[in-house]
Amino acid sequence: MIDFWRFNVQFARDLYAMQPVSGPGTWNMQELRPLEGFTFALTPFNFTAIAGNLPTAPALMGNTVIWKPSENQMLAAWHTFLLLEEAGLPPGVINFVPGYGAEIAPIVVDDPDLGAIHFTGSTEIFRSLWKRVAGNLDRYRGFPRLVGETGGKDFILAHPSADPRAVATAIVRGGYEFQGQKCSAASRVYVARSVWDAMKDELCATIDQLKVGDVADFSNFMGAVIKRGAFDRHAGAIREARETPGMKIVAGGGTDDREGYFVRPTLITTDDPGVRLMRDELFGPIVTLHVYPDQAWADTLELVDRTSPYALTGGVFARERTALVEATTALRNAAGNFYINDKPTGAVVGQQPFGGTRASGTDDKAGSALNLLRFVGARTIKETFVSPTEWRYPFLSEP
């Protein structure tokens, strides 16, 4: 969170410094004004840093913000708000409004003074907000800015030349850290047959050895998932894999809700790369893997691009440079954050500006100046030092 706040200040300074050229006798200026209206920030449960960035980025650019945090992250969000107040944030700049989105959002979005929405959450909710805004266009003073980072079905793709241990490590770290409750978490994997044969046993053994429990014990790699609804969704996906022909649970698969909502890190293989678990976001520690023939590289690139409606993050592993170039080109629109020989998670503010397209959002890149630009309106000012007093242009003069 401190990275967001420090870097955003520098990004704002850089934006203000971008000024137009001035010709002889004139001074041209560009002013970045706050939006005419307030910003509605709806923040997610899974990242306290993002929950702090979404209301403060518009506020930094001069906007008044209504902040509705996730009901599952209320305590951390409240302490963030208290921290901002203690640091000197004036009253009324960011207005903390706890509650349920279904009750608060209609009131806020229907207000004629809505200037922008800054959102991170599910694709379905963002679409519903967009539709409501569209239905209200006649009542707004302007066209509200809609900035959203939504879901993901993030991929790892391993070329036959990939390092098997590097791919296995990326699956473990990318798929199971934070219980897979990251919009960037790896959840669908495509591995060449030769690479899978070399990594399967060690990967499955590693997954089964991962410790799951109280996060206060730092020897635990994973904790519980966020709530009962998430637990039930993950348990249902594991049950679906057990019951679907061509799918097999090769590691994990256990669930326990006796004390907390614990889901073991789970790896599922599928013969059919088009099954639901390769398309839909689960937001949990479940990775579904498809093994493809080594000679089917080109077909697999097309498969990765078309399988899921999302386009947030993805990682490609290969030691052949030609394969990396091919993947970078073929998957140009499949991921807003594209990783080469690394897991598709862990974007760093100022280094990998974050956001995706398609069903993954508006790609306005949190952690960059592009995000801040969405919360300002530019005004161009021209000052002429010596005003013309003759209406005739020189070419109109008599010969």
Foldseek 3Di string as FASTA:
>chain_A
DVLLVVLLVVLVVVVLPDADDDDPQKDKGKDWAFFQFAEEEEEEQQDLVRLLNQLVLLLVRPHAYEREYDPLNVVSSVVSVVVCVVVPDDPRRYHYDYDDCVVPVVVVLLDQRHAEYRYEEALVVLVVSVVSNVVNVVSHPHRHQYFYFHAAAAEEEEAPQFDLVLSLVLLCCQQQAAQLQDRQRHAEYEYEPVSCVVNVVVSQVVLQPAAEDDVVPVSHRYYADRDDVLLVLVLVVLVVQVVDPQKDWSHFSDWDDPPGTDGRQTEMEGQDCQDPSSADDSSGNHHYYYYDHNVCLVVVLVVLQPRYQWAAWYEYGHPDVVSVVVSCVSCVQRHLHYYYSHHGDDDDQPHTFGHHDGSRTDSQGSNHSSVSSSRTDMDMDMDRNDDDDDPDDPVPDDD
